[in-house]
Amino acid sequence: MKNLGPRSLALLAAAGITTLAQLRELGAVRAYARVQAVPGHNASLNLLWALEGALSGQPWQAVARDHRLSLLLALDALQDRQTDKTRTTQGPAGPEQHPNHF
């Protein structure tokens, strides 16, 4: 796959992404977030640029230059949604969430 070397492919595989179809279905941002969620796999943002480049056919350097802001905003929004979902499923965190609690 263009833009993705052996290390990138290994990071994707560790996150359960082993086919181009899976990468396309997830998109660059969600795939990058999955890699980041794997303990011990701290990928740099260059992986995000490379994933988008692999999907769009652009060199990762062009993606980093031309699409950096939109990708970072999408990643931030995804992380916010995941944080909100975690809070919702875990319930209230403590007394600060209960105005009538002493």
N, C-alpha and C. Protein backbone atom coordinates (compact mmCIF):
# COMPACT_ATOMS: atom_id res chain seq x y z
N MET A 1 0.84 -1.18 0.00
CA MET A 1 0.00 0.00 0.00
C MET A 1 0.89 1.24 0.00
N LYS A 2 0.60 2.17 -0.88
CA LYS A 2 1.38 3.39 -0.97
C LYS A 2 1.34 4.15 0.36
N ASN A 3 2.48 4.67 0.77
CA ASN A 3 2.66 5.46 1.99
C ASN A 3 2.83 4.62 3.26
N LEU A 4 2.56 3.33 3.20
CA LEU A 4 2.61 2.51 4.40
C LEU A 4 3.74 1.49 4.32
N GLY A 5 4.70 1.65 5.20
CA GLY A 5 5.82 0.72 5.25
C GLY A 5 5.55 -0.39 6.24
N PRO A 6 6.57 -1.23 6.47
CA PRO A 6 6.41 -2.38 7.35
C PRO A 6 6.00 -2.00 8.78
N ARG A 7 6.56 -0.94 9.32
CA ARG A 7 6.21 -0.53 10.69
C ARG A 7 4.75 -0.08 10.77
N SER A 8 4.32 0.70 9.80
CA SER A 8 2.92 1.15 9.77
C SER A 8 1.97 -0.03 9.65
N LEU A 9 2.31 -0.97 8.78
CA LEU A 9 1.46 -2.15 8.60
C LEU A 9 1.42 -2.99 9.87
N ALA A 10 2.55 -3.07 10.59
CA ALA A 10 2.58 -3.82 11.85
C ALA A 10 1.71 -3.14 12.90
N LEU A 11 1.74 -1.80 12.96
CA LEU A 11 0.90 -1.07 13.91
C LEU A 11 -0.58 -1.29 13.59
N LEU A 12 -0.92 -1.25 12.32
CA LEU A 12 -2.30 -1.49 11.92
C LEU A 12 -2.73 -2.92 12.29
N ALA A 13 -1.87 -3.88 12.03
CA ALA A 13 -2.20 -5.27 12.34
C ALA A 13 -2.41 -5.46 13.84
N ALA A 14 -1.60 -4.79 14.65
CA ALA A 14 -1.76 -4.89 16.10
C ALA A 14 -3.10 -4.32 16.55
N ALA A 15 -3.65 -3.40 15.75
CA ALA A 15 -4.95 -2.81 16.06
C ALA A 15 -6.09 -3.57 15.38
N GLY A 16 -5.77 -4.69 14.73
CA GLY A 16 -6.79 -5.51 14.09
C GLY A 16 -7.17 -5.07 12.69
N ILE A 17 -6.37 -4.21 12.10
CA ILE A 17 -6.65 -3.71 10.75
C ILE A 17 -5.64 -4.36 9.82
N THR A 18 -6.11 -5.32 9.03
CA THR A 18 -5.19 -6.11 8.21
C THR A 18 -5.48 -6.04 6.72
N THR A 19 -6.56 -5.37 6.34
CA THR A 19 -6.90 -5.29 4.92
C THR A 19 -7.17 -3.84 4.52
N LEU A 20 -7.00 -3.59 3.25
CA LEU A 20 -7.33 -2.27 2.71
C LEU A 20 -8.81 -1.97 2.88
N ALA A 21 -9.65 -2.99 2.75
CA ALA A 21 -11.09 -2.81 2.93
C ALA A 21 -11.41 -2.32 4.35
N GLN A 22 -10.74 -2.91 5.35
CA GLN A 22 -10.95 -2.47 6.74
C GLN A 22 -10.51 -1.02 6.90
N LEU A 23 -9.37 -0.68 6.33
CA LEU A 23 -8.86 0.69 6.42
C LEU A 23 -9.83 1.65 5.75
N ARG A 24 -10.34 1.29 4.59
CA ARG A 24 -11.30 2.15 3.90
C ARG A 24 -12.57 2.34 4.73
N GLU A 25 -13.04 1.25 5.31
CA GLU A 25 -14.27 1.32 6.11
C GLU A 25 -14.10 2.24 7.32
N LEU A 26 -12.96 2.12 7.98
CA LEU A 26 -12.71 2.94 9.16
C LEU A 26 -12.37 4.38 8.81
N GLY A 27 -11.61 4.56 7.76
CA GLY A 27 -11.09 5.87 7.43
C GLY A 27 -9.80 6.11 8.22
N ALA A 28 -9.05 7.09 7.80
CA ALA A 28 -7.73 7.36 8.39
C ALA A 28 -7.82 7.72 9.87
N VAL A 29 -8.77 8.56 10.23
CA VAL A 29 -8.84 9.06 11.61
C VAL A 29 -9.21 7.94 12.57
N ARG A 30 -10.24 7.17 12.26
CA ARG A 30 -10.64 6.08 13.16
C ARG A 30 -9.58 4.99 13.23
N ALA A 31 -8.92 4.71 12.10
CA ALA A 31 -7.85 3.71 12.10
C ALA A 31 -6.69 4.19 12.97
N TYR A 32 -6.32 5.45 12.85
CA TYR A 32 -5.25 6.01 13.67
C TYR A 32 -5.61 5.93 15.15
N ALA A 33 -6.84 6.26 15.48
CA ALA A 33 -7.29 6.19 16.87
C ALA A 33 -7.22 4.76 17.40
N ARG A 34 -7.55 3.79 16.57
CA ARG A 34 -7.45 2.39 16.98
C ARG A 34 -6.00 2.00 17.28
N VAL A 35 -5.09 2.45 16.43
CA VAL A 35 -3.67 2.17 16.67
C VAL A 35 -3.23 2.81 17.98
N GLN A 36 -3.65 4.04 18.21
CA GLN A 36 -3.29 4.74 19.44
C GLN A 36 -3.84 4.05 20.68
N ALA A 37 -4.94 3.34 20.54
CA ALA A 37 -5.57 2.67 21.67
C ALA A 37 -4.88 1.37 22.07
N VAL A 38 -4.00 0.87 21.22
CA VAL A 38 -3.27 -0.36 21.53
C VAL A 38 -2.17 -0.02 22.53
N PRO A 39 -2.19 -0.63 23.70
CA PRO A 39 -1.15 -0.35 24.70
C PRO A 39 0.25 -0.58 24.14
N GLY A 40 1.11 0.40 24.38
CA GLY A 40 2.51 0.29 23.95
C GLY A 40 2.76 0.68 22.51
N HIS A 41 1.74 1.10 21.79
CA HIS A 41 1.90 1.49 20.39
C HIS A 41 1.63 2.98 20.23
N ASN A 42 2.62 3.78 20.50
CA ASN A 42 2.48 5.23 20.37
C ASN A 42 2.93 5.66 18.99
N ALA A 43 2.01 5.75 18.09
CA ALA A 43 2.32 6.17 16.72
C ALA A 43 2.31 7.68 16.64
N SER A 44 3.19 8.22 15.83
CA SER A 44 3.22 9.67 15.65
C SER A 44 2.12 10.08 14.67
N LEU A 45 1.93 11.37 14.57
CA LEU A 45 0.93 11.89 13.62
C LEU A 45 1.32 11.58 12.18
N ASN A 46 2.58 11.27 11.94
CA ASN A 46 2.98 10.89 10.58
C ASN A 46 2.18 9.67 10.10
N LEU A 47 1.80 8.79 11.04
CA LEU A 47 0.97 7.65 10.64
C LEU A 47 -0.39 8.13 10.15
N LEU A 48 -0.97 9.11 10.80
CA LEU A 48 -2.26 9.65 10.35
C LEU A 48 -2.15 10.21 8.94
N TRP A 49 -1.08 10.96 8.70
CA TRP A 49 -0.88 11.53 7.35
C TRP A 49 -0.70 10.39 6.33
N ALA A 50 0.06 9.36 6.71
CA ALA A 50 0.31 8.23 5.81
C ALA A 50 -0.98 7.45 5.52
N LEU A 51 -1.81 7.26 6.55
CA LEU A 51 -3.07 6.55 6.34
C LEU A 51 -3.97 7.31 5.37
N GLU A 52 -4.08 8.61 5.59
CA GLU A 52 -4.90 9.42 4.68
C GLU A 52 -4.32 9.40 3.28
N GLY A 53 -3.01 9.45 3.19
CA GLY A 53 -2.36 9.38 1.88
C GLY A 53 -2.60 8.05 1.19
N ALA A 54 -2.57 6.97 1.96
CA ALA A 54 -2.83 5.65 1.38
C ALA A 54 -4.25 5.57 0.83
N LEU A 55 -5.19 6.21 1.52
CA LEU A 55 -6.58 6.18 1.07
C LEU A 55 -6.85 7.14 -0.08
N SER A 56 -6.15 8.26 -0.09
CA SER A 56 -6.42 9.28 -1.11
C SER A 56 -5.47 9.21 -2.30
N GLY A 57 -4.38 8.46 -2.14
CA GLY A 57 -3.40 8.37 -3.23
C GLY A 57 -2.42 9.52 -3.24
N GLN A 58 -2.43 10.35 -2.21
CA GLN A 58 -1.51 11.49 -2.13
C GLN A 58 -0.29 11.12 -1.29
N PRO A 59 0.84 11.74 -1.56
CA PRO A 59 2.00 11.54 -0.68
C PRO A 59 1.68 12.06 0.72
N TRP A 60 2.21 11.38 1.74
CA TRP A 60 1.90 11.78 3.11
C TRP A 60 2.34 13.21 3.39
N GLN A 61 3.41 13.67 2.73
CA GLN A 61 3.88 15.04 2.94
C GLN A 61 2.83 16.05 2.46
N ALA A 62 2.17 15.75 1.36
CA ALA A 62 1.12 16.63 0.84
C ALA A 62 -0.08 16.62 1.78
N VAL A 63 -0.41 15.45 2.31
CA VAL A 63 -1.51 15.35 3.26
C VAL A 63 -1.20 16.18 4.50
N ALA A 64 0.02 16.05 5.02
CA ALA A 64 0.42 16.81 6.21
C ALA A 64 0.33 18.31 5.96
N ARG A 65 0.67 18.72 4.77
CA ARG A 65 0.64 20.15 4.44
C ARG A 65 -0.78 20.65 4.17
N ASP A 66 -1.55 19.88 3.41
CA ASP A 66 -2.83 20.37 2.91
C ASP A 66 -4.05 19.98 3.76
N HIS A 67 -3.93 18.91 4.53
CA HIS A 67 -5.10 18.40 5.25
C HIS A 67 -4.87 18.27 6.75
N ARG A 68 -3.77 18.79 7.23
CA ARG A 68 -3.41 18.66 8.65
C ARG A 68 -4.54 19.13 9.56
N LEU A 69 -5.03 20.32 9.36
CA LEU A 69 -6.04 20.89 10.25
C LEU A 69 -7.32 20.07 10.26
N SER A 70 -7.82 19.71 9.09
CA SER A 70 -9.08 18.96 9.05
C SER A 70 -8.93 17.58 9.70
N LEU A 71 -7.79 16.94 9.52
CA LEU A 71 -7.57 15.64 10.14
C LEU A 71 -7.44 15.76 11.66
N LEU A 72 -6.73 16.78 12.12
CA LEU A 72 -6.59 16.98 13.56
C LEU A 72 -7.93 17.32 14.21
N LEU A 73 -8.74 18.12 13.54
CA LEU A 73 -10.06 18.44 14.07
C LEU A 73 -10.95 17.20 14.12
N ALA A 74 -10.88 16.37 13.09
CA ALA A 74 -11.65 15.13 13.08
C ALA A 74 -11.19 14.18 14.18
N LEU A 75 -9.89 14.11 14.41
CA LEU A 75 -9.36 13.27 15.48
C LEU A 75 -9.81 13.79 16.83
N ASP A 76 -9.75 15.08 17.02
CA ASP A 76 -10.18 15.69 18.28
C ASP A 76 -11.66 15.42 18.53
N ALA A 77 -12.48 15.56 17.50
CA ALA A 77 -13.92 15.31 17.64
C ALA A 77 -14.19 13.84 17.98
N LEU A 78 -13.46 12.93 17.34
CA LEU A 78 -13.62 11.51 17.64
C LEU A 78 -13.23 11.21 19.09
N GLN A 79 -12.14 11.78 19.54
CA GLN A 79 -11.70 11.56 20.92
C GLN A 79 -12.70 12.15 21.91
N ASP A 80 -13.28 13.31 21.59
CA ASP A 80 -14.30 13.90 22.45
C ASP A 80 -15.53 12.99 22.54
N ARG A 81 -15.97 12.44 21.40
CA ARG A 81 -17.13 11.53 21.40
C ARG A 81 -16.82 10.28 22.22
N GLN A 82 -15.62 9.75 22.09
CA GLN A 82 -15.25 8.56 22.85
C GLN A 82 -15.21 8.87 24.35
N THR A 83 -14.72 10.03 24.72
CA THR A 83 -14.67 10.44 26.13
C THR A 83 -16.08 10.59 26.67
N ASP A 84 -16.96 11.25 25.91
CA ASP A 84 -18.35 11.42 26.33
C ASP A 84 -19.04 10.06 26.48
N LYS A 85 -18.79 9.15 25.55
CA LYS A 85 -19.39 7.82 25.61
C LYS A 85 -18.91 7.08 26.85
N THR A 86 -17.63 7.19 27.18
CA THR A 86 -17.08 6.54 28.37
C THR A 86 -17.73 7.09 29.62
N ARG A 87 -17.88 8.40 29.70
CA ARG A 87 -18.53 9.02 30.86
C ARG A 87 -19.96 8.53 31.01
N THR A 88 -20.67 8.44 29.90
CA THR A 88 -22.07 8.02 29.92
C THR A 88 -22.21 6.57 30.38
N THR A 89 -21.33 5.69 29.90
CA THR A 89 -21.46 4.28 30.25
C THR A 89 -20.95 3.99 31.66
N GLN A 90 -20.06 4.82 32.19
CA GLN A 90 -19.53 4.60 33.53
C GLN A 90 -20.39 5.24 34.61
N GLY A 91 -21.26 6.14 34.23
CA GLY A 91 -22.12 6.81 35.20
C GLY A 91 -21.39 7.95 35.88
N PRO A 92 -22.03 8.53 36.87
CA PRO A 92 -21.45 9.69 37.55
C PRO A 92 -20.10 9.35 38.19
N ALA A 93 -19.21 10.31 38.14
CA ALA A 93 -17.86 10.09 38.64
C ALA A 93 -17.72 10.37 40.12
N GLY A 94 -18.59 11.16 40.69
CA GLY A 94 -18.43 11.48 42.10
C GLY A 94 -19.39 12.56 42.55
N PRO A 95 -19.20 13.10 43.75
CA PRO A 95 -20.12 14.08 44.32
C PRO A 95 -20.34 15.32 43.47
N GLU A 96 -19.32 15.73 42.72
CA GLU A 96 -19.47 16.94 41.90
C GLU A 96 -20.56 16.77 40.84
N GLN A 97 -20.97 15.56 40.57
CA GLN A 97 -22.01 15.31 39.58
C GLN A 97 -23.39 15.28 40.21
N HIS A 98 -23.46 15.34 41.53
CA HIS A 98 -24.72 15.28 42.26
C HIS A 98 -24.90 16.57 43.08
N PRO A 99 -25.67 17.53 42.57
CA PRO A 99 -25.79 18.82 43.26
C PRO A 99 -26.37 18.71 44.66
N ASN A 100 -27.14 17.67 44.97
CA ASN A 100 -27.75 17.56 46.31
C ASN A 100 -26.91 16.71 47.27
N HIS A 101 -25.76 16.31 46.81
CA HIS A 101 -24.89 15.49 47.64
C HIS A 101 -24.06 16.37 48.59
N PHE A 102 -23.95 15.96 49.85
CA PHE A 102 -23.19 16.75 50.83
C PHE A 102 -21.76 16.33 50.88
